């Protein structure tokens, strides 16, 4: 079972992009904000656009990032995250993505 719930509404994605703290790495951009009063668990959105590649590549990147986020949120306080991979993420190994995510999360 995942340690986070998904962001579903477009307004949540927009709010995180505008008001969240941002950190960028060569493979992804991470937006973070504090949870809203009703949030019991972390809420995460992964936004993979078509510049990453075709559908198979985009879904592979999304699944890898979901696994990385699941592991990274173990034992952490609830938060809201938006993960936006960059085109370089399509060719990156899992360990490289994990290191980039950890570095970005430490900065925000």
PDB file of N, CA and C in Angstrom:
ATOM      1  N   UNK A   1       0.835  -1.190   0.000  1.00  0.00           N
ATOM      2  CA  UNK A   1       0.000   0.000   0.000  1.00  0.00           C
ATOM      3  C   UNK A   1       0.878   1.250   0.000  1.00  0.00           C
ATOM      4  N   UNK A   2       0.488   2.244  -0.775  1.00  0.00           N
ATOM      5  CA  UNK A   2       1.269   3.463  -0.879  1.00  0.00           C
ATOM      6  C   UNK A   2       1.174   4.289   0.399  1.00  0.00           C
ATOM      7  N   UNK A   3       2.228   5.036   0.676  1.00  0.00           N
ATOM      8  CA  UNK A   3       2.281   5.883   1.856  1.00  0.00           C
ATOM      9  C   UNK A   3       1.733   7.281   1.576  1.00  0.00           C
ATOM     10  N   UNK A   4       1.119   7.458   0.419  1.00  0.00           N
ATOM     11  CA  UNK A   4       0.614   8.780   0.074  1.00  0.00           C
ATOM     12  C   UNK A   4      -0.666   8.647  -0.724  1.00  0.00           C
ATOM     13  N   UNK A   5      -1.431   9.732  -0.723  1.00  0.00           N
ATOM     14  CA  UNK A   5      -2.626   9.831  -1.550  1.00  0.00           C
ATOM     15  C   UNK A   5      -2.282  10.723  -2.733  1.00  0.00           C
ATOM     16  N   UNK A   6      -2.983  10.565  -3.825  1.00  0.00           N
ATOM     17  CA  UNK A   6      -2.693  11.331  -5.033  1.00  0.00           C
ATOM     18  C   UNK A   6      -3.410  12.671  -5.034  1.00  0.00           C
ATOM     19  N   UNK A   7      -2.739  13.663  -5.571  1.00  0.00           N
ATOM     20  CA  UNK A   7      -3.398  14.928  -5.857  1.00  0.00           C
ATOM     21  C   UNK A   7      -4.260  14.716  -7.088  1.00  0.00           C
ATOM     22  N   UNK A   8      -5.486  15.129  -7.060  1.00  0.00           N
ATOM     23  CA  UNK A   8      -6.397  14.856  -8.162  1.00  0.00           C
ATOM     24  C   UNK A   8      -6.865  16.117  -8.879  1.00  0.00           C
ATOM     25  N   UNK A   9      -7.061  17.193  -8.126  1.00  0.00           N
ATOM     26  CA  UNK A   9      -7.651  18.385  -8.710  1.00  0.00           C
ATOM     27  C   UNK A   9      -6.597  19.288  -9.332  1.00  0.00           C
ATOM     28  N   UNK A  10      -6.936  19.893 -10.434  1.00  0.00           N
ATOM     29  CA  UNK A  10      -6.032  20.808 -11.109  1.00  0.00           C
ATOM     30  C   UNK A  10      -5.684  21.990 -10.216  1.00  0.00           C
ATOM     31  N   UNK A  11      -6.618  22.408  -9.377  1.00  0.00           N
ATOM     32  CA  UNK A  11      -6.355  23.542  -8.490  1.00  0.00           C
ATOM     33  C   UNK A  11      -5.247  23.221  -7.487  1.00  0.00           C
ATOM     34  N   UNK A  12      -5.142  21.956  -7.075  1.00  0.00           N
ATOM     35  CA  UNK A  12      -4.059  21.562  -6.167  1.00  0.00           C
ATOM     36  C   UNK A  12      -2.704  21.635  -6.866  1.00  0.00           C
ATOM     37  N   UNK A  13      -2.650  21.195  -8.119  1.00  0.00           N
ATOM     38  CA  UNK A  13      -1.411  21.281  -8.887  1.00  0.00           C
ATOM     39  C   UNK A  13      -1.003  22.740  -9.085  1.00  0.00           C
ATOM     40  N   UNK A  14      -1.962  23.591  -9.426  1.00  0.00           N
ATOM     41  CA  UNK A  14      -1.682  25.010  -9.660  1.00  0.00           C
ATOM     42  C   UNK A  14      -1.209  25.676  -8.371  1.00  0.00           C
ATOM     43  N   UNK A  15      -1.864  25.365  -7.249  1.00  0.00           N
ATOM     44  CA  UNK A  15      -1.487  25.949  -5.963  1.00  0.00           C
ATOM     45  C   UNK A  15      -0.052  25.576  -5.607  1.00  0.00           C
ATOM     46  N   UNK A  16       0.325  24.325  -5.816  1.00  0.00           N
ATOM     47  CA  UNK A  16       1.690  23.907  -5.507  1.00  0.00           C
ATOM     48  C   UNK A  16       2.709  24.597  -6.413  1.00  0.00           C
ATOM     49  N   UNK A  17       2.390  24.731  -7.681  1.00  0.00           N
ATOM     50  CA  UNK A  17       3.329  25.397  -8.599  1.00  0.00           C
ATOM     51  C   UNK A  17       3.517  26.865  -8.234  1.00  0.00           C
ATOM     52  N   UNK A  18       2.463  27.520  -7.789  1.00  0.00           N
ATOM     53  CA  UNK A  18       2.547  28.946  -7.492  1.00  0.00           C
ATOM     54  C   UNK A  18       3.099  29.237  -6.102  1.00  0.00           C
ATOM     55  N   UNK A  19       2.676  28.478  -5.107  1.00  0.00           N
ATOM     56  CA  UNK A  19       3.006  28.811  -3.727  1.00  0.00           C
ATOM     57  C   UNK A  19       3.990  27.862  -3.060  1.00  0.00           C
ATOM     58  N   UNK A  20       4.265  26.730  -3.675  1.00  0.00           N
ATOM     59  CA  UNK A  20       5.156  25.758  -3.053  1.00  0.00           C
ATOM     60  C   UNK A  20       6.620  26.141  -3.184  1.00  0.00           C
ATOM     61  N   UNK A  21       7.430  25.609  -2.277  1.00  0.00           N
ATOM     62  CA  UNK A  21       8.875  25.786  -2.383  1.00  0.00           C
ATOM     63  C   UNK A  21       9.381  24.863  -3.471  1.00  0.00           C
ATOM     64  N   UNK A  22      10.336  25.343  -4.278  1.00  0.00           N
ATOM     65  CA  UNK A  22      10.774  24.601  -5.452  1.00  0.00           C
ATOM     66  C   UNK A  22      12.254  24.274  -5.361  1.00  0.00           C
ATOM     67  N   UNK A  23      12.583  23.068  -5.820  1.00  0.00           N
ATOM     68  CA  UNK A  23      13.981  22.667  -5.958  1.00  0.00           C
ATOM     69  C   UNK A  23      14.100  21.899  -7.270  1.00  0.00           C
ATOM     70  N   UNK A  24      15.162  22.202  -8.017  1.00  0.00           N
ATOM     71  CA  UNK A  24      15.372  21.534  -9.300  1.00  0.00           C
ATOM     72  C   UNK A  24      16.684  20.768  -9.288  1.00  0.00           C
ATOM     73  N   UNK A  25      16.688  19.656  -9.999  1.00  0.00           N
ATOM     74  CA  UNK A  25      17.875  18.847 -10.213  1.00  0.00           C
ATOM     75  C   UNK A  25      17.953  18.589 -11.718  1.00  0.00           C
ATOM     76  N   UNK A  26      18.993  17.937 -12.194  1.00  0.00           N
ATOM     77  CA  UNK A  26      19.070  17.689 -13.642  1.00  0.00           C
ATOM     78  C   UNK A  26      17.942  16.816 -14.195  1.00  0.00           C
ATOM     79  N   UNK A  27      17.268  16.037 -13.333  1.00  0.00           N
ATOM     80  CA  UNK A  27      16.257  15.107 -13.834  1.00  0.00           C
ATOM     81  C   UNK A  27      14.827  15.436 -13.403  1.00  0.00           C
ATOM     82  N   UNK A  28      14.653  16.316 -12.420  1.00  0.00           N
ATOM     83  CA  UNK A  28      13.285  16.608 -11.973  1.00  0.00           C
ATOM     84  C   UNK A  28      13.217  17.938 -11.254  1.00  0.00           C
ATOM     85  N   UNK A  29      11.992  18.428 -11.137  1.00  0.00           N
ATOM     86  CA  UNK A  29      11.684  19.608 -10.339  1.00  0.00           C
ATOM     87  C   UNK A  29      10.665  19.186  -9.300  1.00  0.00           C
ATOM     88  N   UNK A  30      10.883  19.624  -8.068  1.00  0.00           N
ATOM     89  CA  UNK A  30      10.028  19.223  -6.954  1.00  0.00           C
ATOM     90  C   UNK A  30       9.433  20.465  -6.314  1.00  0.00           C
ATOM     91  N   UNK A  31       8.124  20.462  -6.110  1.00  0.00           N
ATOM     92  CA  UNK A  31       7.420  21.523  -5.410  1.00  0.00           C
ATOM     93  C   UNK A  31       6.874  20.937  -4.121  1.00  0.00           C
ATOM     94  N   UNK A  32       7.065  21.639  -2.991  1.00  0.00           N
ATOM     95  CA  UNK A  32       6.614  21.134  -1.706  1.00  0.00           C
ATOM     96  C   UNK A  32       5.885  22.230  -0.946  1.00  0.00           C
ATOM     97  N   UNK A  33       4.827  21.841  -0.244  1.00  0.00           N
ATOM     98  CA  UNK A  33       4.145  22.766   0.650  1.00  0.00           C
ATOM     99  C   UNK A  33       3.671  21.991   1.876  1.00  0.00           C
ATOM    100  N   UNK A  34       3.290  22.737   2.881  1.00  0.00           N
ATOM    101  CA  UNK A  34       2.775  22.126   4.096  1.00  0.00           C
ATOM    102  C   UNK A  34       1.389  21.542   3.817  1.00  0.00           C
ATOM    103  N   UNK A  35       0.975  20.554   4.608  1.00  0.00           N
ATOM    104  CA  UNK A  35      -0.351  19.962   4.365  1.00  0.00           C
ATOM    105  C   UNK A  35      -1.467  20.930   4.732  1.00  0.00           C
ATOM    106  N   UNK A  36      -2.601  20.744   4.105  1.00  0.00           N
ATOM    107  CA  UNK A  36      -3.788  21.508   4.463  1.00  0.00           C
ATOM    108  C   UNK A  36      -4.383  20.890   5.716  1.00  0.00           C
ATOM    109  N   UNK A  37      -5.251  21.600   6.429  1.00  0.00           N
ATOM    110  CA  UNK A  37      -5.766  21.088   7.704  1.00  0.00           C
ATOM    111  C   UNK A  37      -6.417  19.700   7.640  1.00  0.00           C
ATOM    112  N   UNK A  38      -7.008  19.310   6.518  1.00  0.00           N
ATOM    113  CA  UNK A  38      -7.679  18.019   6.437  1.00  0.00           C
ATOM    114  C   UNK A  38      -6.793  16.857   6.017  1.00  0.00           C
ATOM    115  N   UNK A  39      -5.528  17.120   5.718  1.00  0.00           N
ATOM    116  CA  UNK A  39      -4.633  16.072   5.223  1.00  0.00           C
ATOM    117  C   UNK A  39      -4.123  15.201   6.369  1.00  0.00           C
ATOM    118  N   UNK A  40      -4.400  13.907   6.274  1.00  0.00           N
ATOM    119  CA  UNK A  40      -3.917  12.954   7.266  1.00  0.00           C
ATOM    120  C   UNK A  40      -2.602  12.344   6.788  1.00  0.00           C
ATOM    121  N   UNK A  41      -2.504  12.077   5.487  1.00  0.00           N
ATOM    122  CA  UNK A  41      -1.280  11.535   4.905  1.00  0.00           C
ATOM    123  C   UNK A  41      -0.740  12.526   3.880  1.00  0.00           C
ATOM    124  N   UNK A  42       0.417  12.247   3.371  1.00  0.00           N
ATOM    125  CA  UNK A  42       1.000  13.094   2.331  1.00  0.00           C
ATOM    126  C   UNK A  42       0.179  12.977   1.055  1.00  0.00           C
ATOM    127  N   UNK A  43       0.130  14.069   0.306  1.00  0.00           N
ATOM    128  CA  UNK A  43      -0.568  14.093  -0.980  1.00  0.00           C
ATOM    129  C   UNK A  43       0.472  14.412  -2.042  1.00  0.00           C
ATOM    130  N   UNK A  44       0.538  13.566  -3.068  1.00  0.00           N
ATOM    131  CA  UNK A  44       1.588  13.663  -4.075  1.00  0.00           C
ATOM    132  C   UNK A  44       0.971  13.663  -5.468  1.00  0.00           C
ATOM    133  N   UNK A  45       1.504  14.531  -6.321  1.00  0.00           N
ATOM    134  CA  UNK A  45       1.145  14.546  -7.723  1.00  0.00           C
ATOM    135  C   UNK A  45       2.397  14.363  -8.556  1.00  0.00           C
ATOM    136  N   UNK A  46       2.309  13.552  -9.587  1.00  0.00           N
ATOM    137  CA  UNK A  46       3.421  13.344 -10.509  1.00  0.00           C
ATOM    138  C   UNK A  46       2.926  13.765 -11.881  1.00  0.00           C
ATOM    139  N   UNK A  47       3.537  14.814 -12.423  1.00  0.00           N
ATOM    140  CA  UNK A  47       3.092  15.380 -13.687  1.00  0.00           C
ATOM    141  C   UNK A  47       4.142  15.100 -14.760  1.00  0.00           C
ATOM    142  N   UNK A  48       3.857  14.140 -15.634  1.00  0.00           N
ATOM    143  CA  UNK A  48       4.797  13.743 -16.681  1.00  0.00           C
ATOM    144  C   UNK A  48       4.220  14.211 -18.014  1.00  0.00           C
ATOM    145  N   UNK A  49       4.895  15.171 -18.663  1.00  0.00           N
ATOM    146  CA  UNK A  49       4.352  15.680 -19.914  1.00  0.00           C
ATOM    147  C   UNK A  49       4.965  14.976 -21.123  1.00  0.00           C
ATOM    148  N   UNK A  50       4.485  15.307 -22.297  1.00  0.00           N
ATOM    149  CA  UNK A  50       4.868  14.591 -23.509  1.00  0.00           C
ATOM    150  C   UNK A  50       6.301  14.840 -23.959  1.00  0.00           C
ATOM    151  N   UNK A  51       6.968  15.812 -23.371  1.00  0.00           N
ATOM    152  CA  UNK A  51       8.361  16.044 -23.740  1.00  0.00           C
ATOM    153  C   UNK A  51       9.278  14.935 -23.227  1.00  0.00           C
ATOM    154  N   UNK A  52       8.779  14.118 -22.315  1.00  0.00           N
ATOM    155  CA  UNK A  52       9.544  12.988 -21.765  1.00  0.00           C
ATOM    156  C   UNK A  52       9.686  11.890 -22.818  1.00  0.00           C
ATOM    157  N   UNK A  53       8.641  11.646 -23.573  1.00  0.00           N
ATOM    158  CA  UNK A  53       8.679  10.604 -24.585  1.00  0.00           C
ATOM    159  C   UNK A  53       7.285  10.060 -24.851  1.00  0.00           C
ATOM    160  N   UNK A  54       7.235   8.901 -25.479  1.00  0.00           N
ATOM    161  CA  UNK A  54       5.949   8.271 -25.779  1.00  0.00           C
ATOM    162  C   UNK A  54       5.340   7.696 -24.505  1.00  0.00           C
ATOM    163  N   UNK A  55       4.134   7.163 -24.598  1.00  0.00           N
ATOM    164  CA  UNK A  55       3.365   6.739 -23.432  1.00  0.00           C
ATOM    165  C   UNK A  55       4.094   5.696 -22.591  1.00  0.00           C
ATOM    166  N   UNK A  56       4.760   4.754 -23.221  1.00  0.00           N
ATOM    167  CA  UNK A  56       5.455   3.711 -22.478  1.00  0.00           C
ATOM    168  C   UNK A  56       6.566   4.314 -21.626  1.00  0.00           C
ATOM    169  N   UNK A  57       7.291   5.245 -22.179  1.00  0.00           N
ATOM    170  CA  UNK A  57       8.380   5.900 -21.442  1.00  0.00           C
ATOM    171  C   UNK A  57       7.823   6.760 -20.321  1.00  0.00           C
ATOM    172  N   UNK A  58       6.763   7.515 -20.602  1.00  0.00           N
ATOM    173  CA  UNK A  58       6.157   8.363 -19.572  1.00  0.00           C
ATOM    174  C   UNK A  58       5.643   7.532 -18.407  1.00  0.00           C
ATOM    175  N   UNK A  59       4.991   6.421 -18.694  1.00  0.00           N
ATOM    176  CA  UNK A  59       4.479   5.574 -17.622  1.00  0.00           C
ATOM    177  C   UNK A  59       5.597   4.915 -16.833  1.00  0.00           C
ATOM    178  N   UNK A  60       6.686   4.548 -17.486  1.00  0.00           N
ATOM    179  CA  UNK A  60       7.829   3.983 -16.778  1.00  0.00           C
ATOM    180  C   UNK A  60       8.419   4.998 -15.810  1.00  0.00           C
ATOM    181  N   UNK A  61       8.588   6.227 -16.269  1.00  0.00           N
ATOM    182  CA  UNK A  61       9.115   7.289 -15.407  1.00  0.00           C
ATOM    183  C   UNK A  61       8.165   7.538 -14.250  1.00  0.00           C
ATOM    184  N   UNK A  62       6.864   7.584 -14.519  1.00  0.00           N
ATOM    185  CA  UNK A  62       5.877   7.819 -13.462  1.00  0.00           C
ATOM    186  C   UNK A  62       5.911   6.717 -12.411  1.00  0.00           C
ATOM    187  N   UNK A  63       5.987   5.456 -12.839  1.00  0.00           N
ATOM    188  CA  UNK A  63       6.029   4.342 -11.886  1.00  0.00           C
ATOM    189  C   UNK A  63       7.306   4.366 -11.058  1.00  0.00           C
ATOM    190  N   UNK A  64       8.426   4.685 -11.686  1.00  0.00           N
ATOM    191  CA  UNK A  64       9.679   4.784 -10.938  1.00  0.00           C
ATOM    192  C   UNK A  64       9.596   5.881  -9.882  1.00  0.00           C
ATOM    193  N   UNK A  65       9.077   7.032 -10.265  1.00  0.00           N
ATOM    194  CA  UNK A  65       8.962   8.133  -9.312  1.00  0.00           C
ATOM    195  C   UNK A  65       7.988   7.812  -8.187  1.00  0.00           C
ATOM    196  N   UNK A  66       6.904   7.115  -8.496  1.00  0.00           N
ATOM    197  CA  UNK A  66       5.964   6.728  -7.446  1.00  0.00           C
ATOM    198  C   UNK A  66       6.624   5.800  -6.428  1.00  0.00           C
ATOM    199  N   UNK A  67       7.448   4.873  -6.889  1.00  0.00           N
ATOM    200  CA  UNK A  67       8.160   3.968  -5.973  1.00  0.00           C
ATOM    201  C   UNK A  67       9.170   4.741  -5.132  1.00  0.00           C
ATOM    202  N   UNK A  68       9.857   5.688  -5.738  1.00  0.00           N
ATOM    203  CA  UNK A  68      10.838   6.495  -5.008  1.00  0.00           C
ATOM    204  C   UNK A  68      10.151   7.340  -3.944  1.00  0.00           C
ATOM    205  N   UNK A  69       9.035   7.958  -4.293  1.00  0.00           N
ATOM    206  CA  UNK A  69       8.297   8.785  -3.341  1.00  0.00           C
ATOM    207  C   UNK A  69       7.770   7.920  -2.203  1.00  0.00           C
ATOM    208  N   UNK A  70       7.269   6.746  -2.514  1.00  0.00           N
ATOM    209  CA  UNK A  70       6.760   5.827  -1.490  1.00  0.00           C
ATOM    210  C   UNK A  70       7.841   5.521  -0.459  1.00  0.00           C
ATOM    211  N   UNK A  71       9.041   5.211  -0.912  1.00  0.00           N
ATOM    212  CA  UNK A  71      10.139   4.904   0.004  1.00  0.00           C
ATOM    213  C   UNK A  71      10.601   6.135   0.771  1.00  0.00           C
ATOM    214  N   UNK A  72      10.615   7.293   0.116  1.00  0.00           N
ATOM    215  CA  UNK A  72      11.137   8.503   0.744  1.00  0.00           C
ATOM    216  C   UNK A  72      10.210   9.062   1.823  1.00  0.00           C
ATOM    217  N   UNK A  73       8.918   8.797   1.721  1.00  0.00           N
ATOM    218  CA  UNK A  73       7.976   9.359   2.680  1.00  0.00           C
ATOM    219  C   UNK A  73       7.817   8.512   3.935  1.00  0.00           C
ATOM    220  N   UNK A  74       8.500   7.392   4.024  1.00  0.00           N
ATOM    221  CA  UNK A  74       8.409   6.538   5.209  1.00  0.00           C
ATOM    222  C   UNK A  74       8.926   7.304   6.425  1.00  0.00           C
ATOM    223  N   UNK A  75       8.090   7.421   7.435  1.00  0.00           N
ATOM    224  CA  UNK A  75       8.489   8.065   8.680  1.00  0.00           C
ATOM    225  C   UNK A  75       8.527   9.577   8.644  1.00  0.00           C
ATOM    226  N   UNK A  76       8.022  10.196   7.603  1.00  0.00           N
ATOM    227  CA  UNK A  76       8.012  11.659   7.503  1.00  0.00           C
ATOM    228  C   UNK A  76       6.637  12.205   7.856  1.00  0.00           C
ATOM    229  N   UNK A  77       6.635  13.473   8.211  1.00  0.00           N
ATOM    230  CA  UNK A  77       5.387  14.184   8.476  1.00  0.00           C
ATOM    231  C   UNK A  77       4.634  14.376   7.159  1.00  0.00           C
ATOM    232  N   UNK A  78       3.305  14.483   7.208  1.00  0.00           N
ATOM    233  CA  UNK A  78       2.535  14.715   5.978  1.00  0.00           C
ATOM    234  C   UNK A  78       2.957  16.021   5.297  1.00  0.00           C
ATOM    235  N   UNK A  79       2.912  16.009   3.978  1.00  0.00           N
ATOM    236  CA  UNK A  79       3.245  17.174   3.168  1.00  0.00           C
ATOM    237  C   UNK A  79       2.542  17.042   1.837  1.00  0.00           C
ATOM    238  N   UNK A  80       2.598  18.084   1.050  1.00  0.00           N
ATOM    239  CA  UNK A  80       2.089  18.053  -0.319  1.00  0.00           C
ATOM    240  C   UNK A  80       3.268  18.214  -1.262  1.00  0.00           C
ATOM    241  N   UNK A  81       3.359  17.305  -2.232  1.00  0.00           N
ATOM    242  CA  UNK A  81       4.467  17.307  -3.181  1.00  0.00           C
ATOM    243  C   UNK A  81       3.945  17.270  -4.607  1.00  0.00           C
ATOM    244  N   UNK A  82       4.657  17.936  -5.481  1.00  0.00           N
ATOM    245  CA  UNK A  82       4.423  17.823  -6.916  1.00  0.00           C
ATOM    246  C   UNK A  82       5.771  17.517  -7.553  1.00  0.00           C
ATOM    247  N   UNK A  83       5.862  16.389  -8.242  1.00  0.00           N
ATOM    248  CA  UNK A  83       7.090  15.958  -8.884  1.00  0.00           C
ATOM    249  C   UNK A  83       6.904  16.107 -10.392  1.00  0.00           C
ATOM    250  N   UNK A  84       7.799  16.882 -11.013  1.00  0.00           N
ATOM    251  CA  UNK A  84       7.739  17.117 -12.453  1.00  0.00           C
ATOM    252  C   UNK A  84       9.065  16.647 -13.051  1.00  0.00           C
ATOM    253  N   UNK A  85       9.089  15.480 -13.700  1.00  0.00           N
ATOM    254  CA  UNK A  85      10.341  15.019 -14.300  1.00  0.00           C
ATOM    255  C   UNK A  85      10.677  15.820 -15.554  1.00  0.00           C
ATOM    256  N   UNK A  86      11.963  15.979 -15.786  1.00  0.00           N
ATOM    257  CA  UNK A  86      12.468  16.663 -16.975  1.00  0.00           C
ATOM    258  C   UNK A  86      12.812  15.618 -18.035  1.00  0.00           C
ATOM    259  N   UNK A  87      12.996  16.011 -19.291  1.00  0.00           N
ATOM    260  CA  UNK A  87      13.264  15.027 -20.347  1.00  0.00           C
ATOM    261  C   UNK A  87      14.455  14.108 -20.064  1.00  0.00           C
ATOM    262  N   UNK A  88      15.442  14.562 -19.306  1.00  0.00           N
ATOM    263  CA  UNK A  88      16.596  13.721 -18.983  1.00  0.00           C
ATOM    264  C   UNK A  88      16.213  12.532 -18.101  1.00  0.00           C
ATOM    265  N   UNK A  89      15.056  12.595 -17.436  1.00  0.00           N
ATOM    266  CA  UNK A  89      14.634  11.502 -16.558  1.00  0.00           C
ATOM    267  C   UNK A  89      14.312  10.227 -17.339  1.00  0.00           C
ATOM    268  N   UNK A  90      13.993  10.356 -18.613  1.00  0.00           N
ATOM    269  CA  UNK A  90      13.651   9.184 -19.413  1.00  0.00           C
ATOM    270  C   UNK A  90      14.833   8.241 -19.564  1.00  0.00           C
ATOM    271  N   UNK A  91      16.052   8.773 -19.581  1.00  0.00           N
ATOM    272  CA  UNK A  91      17.248   7.961 -19.756  1.00  0.00           C
ATOM    273  C   UNK A  91      17.973   7.670 -18.449  1.00  0.00           C
ATOM    274  N   UNK A  92      17.488   8.200 -17.348  1.00  0.00           N
ATOM    275  CA  UNK A  92      18.176   8.052 -16.069  1.00  0.00           C
ATOM    276  C   UNK A  92      17.870   6.706 -15.424  1.00  0.00           C
ATOM    277  N   UNK A  93      18.860   6.169 -14.706  1.00  0.00           N
ATOM    278  CA  UNK A  93      18.668   4.941 -13.949  1.00  0.00           C
ATOM    279  C   UNK A  93      17.840   5.230 -12.699  1.00  0.00           C
ATOM    280  N   UNK A  94      17.307   4.178 -12.106  1.00  0.00           N
ATOM    281  CA  UNK A  94      16.496   4.297 -10.905  1.00  0.00           C
ATOM    282  C   UNK A  94      17.298   4.940  -9.772  1.00  0.00           C
ATOM    283  N   UNK A  95      18.535   4.512  -9.591  1.00  0.00           N
ATOM    284  CA  UNK A  95      19.363   5.049  -8.508  1.00  0.00           C
ATOM    285  C   UNK A  95      19.665   6.532  -8.701  1.00  0.00           C
ATOM    286  N   UNK A  96      19.840   6.957  -9.931  1.00  0.00           N
ATOM    287  CA  UNK A  96      20.089   8.368 -10.213  1.00  0.00           C
ATOM    288  C   UNK A  96      18.839   9.182  -9.892  1.00  0.00           C
ATOM    289  N   UNK A  97      17.672   8.699 -10.283  1.00  0.00           N
ATOM    290  CA  UNK A  97      16.418   9.391  -9.962  1.00  0.00           C
ATOM    291  C   UNK A  97      16.216   9.470  -8.455  1.00  0.00           C
ATOM    292  N   UNK A  98      16.523   8.381  -7.751  1.00  0.00           N
ATOM    293  CA  UNK A  98      16.362   8.365  -6.296  1.00  0.00           C
ATOM    294  C   UNK A  98      17.283   9.395  -5.641  1.00  0.00           C
ATOM    295  N   UNK A  99      18.522   9.468  -6.099  1.00  0.00           N
ATOM    296  CA  UNK A  99      19.468  10.437  -5.532  1.00  0.00           C
ATOM    297  C   UNK A  99      19.022  11.879  -5.821  1.00  0.00           C
ATOM    298  N   UNK A 100      18.537  12.131  -7.030  1.00  0.00           N
ATOM    299  CA  UNK A 100      18.045  13.464  -7.378  1.00  0.00           C
ATOM    300  C   UNK A 100      16.824  13.838  -6.535  1.00  0.00           C
ATOM    301  N   UNK A 101      15.930  12.884  -6.340  1.00  0.00           N
ATOM    302  CA  UNK A 101      14.744  13.171  -5.533  1.00  0.00           C
ATOM    303  C   UNK A 101      15.142  13.467  -4.095  1.00  0.00           C
ATOM    304  N   UNK A 102      16.041  12.683  -3.528  1.00  0.00           N
ATOM    305  CA  UNK A 102      16.486  12.903  -2.156  1.00  0.00           C
ATOM    306  C   UNK A 102      17.162  14.269  -2.011  1.00  0.00           C
ATOM    307  N   UNK A 103      17.973  14.650  -2.991  1.00  0.00           N
ATOM    308  CA  UNK A 103      18.636  15.952  -2.945  1.00  0.00           C
ATOM    309  C   UNK A 103      17.616  17.094  -3.022  1.00  0.00           C
ATOM    310  N   UNK A 104      16.643  16.952  -3.897  1.00  0.00           N
ATOM    311  CA  UNK A 104      15.612  18.007  -4.039  1.00  0.00           C
ATOM    312  C   UNK A 104      14.759  18.094  -2.782  1.00  0.00           C
ATOM    313  N   UNK A 105      14.400  16.954  -2.210  1.00  0.00           N
ATOM    314  CA  UNK A 105      13.567  16.952  -1.002  1.00  0.00           C
ATOM    315  C   UNK A 105      14.315  17.562   0.171  1.00  0.00           C
ATOM    316  N   UNK A 106      15.608  17.350   0.243  1.00  0.00           N
ATOM    317  CA  UNK A 106      16.392  17.936   1.326  1.00  0.00           C
ATOM    318  C   UNK A 106      16.470  19.462   1.199  1.00  0.00           C
ATOM    319  N   UNK A 107      16.412  19.979  -0.022  1.00  0.00           N
ATOM    320  CA  UNK A 107      16.501  21.425  -0.238  1.00  0.00           C
ATOM    321  C   UNK A 107      15.197  22.145  -0.015  1.00  0.00           C
ATOM    322  N   UNK A 108      14.073  21.458  -0.143  1.00  0.00           N
ATOM    323  CA  UNK A 108      12.793  22.132   0.069  1.00  0.00           C
ATOM    324  C   UNK A 108      12.304  21.789   1.438  1.00  0.00           C
TER     325      UNK A 108
END
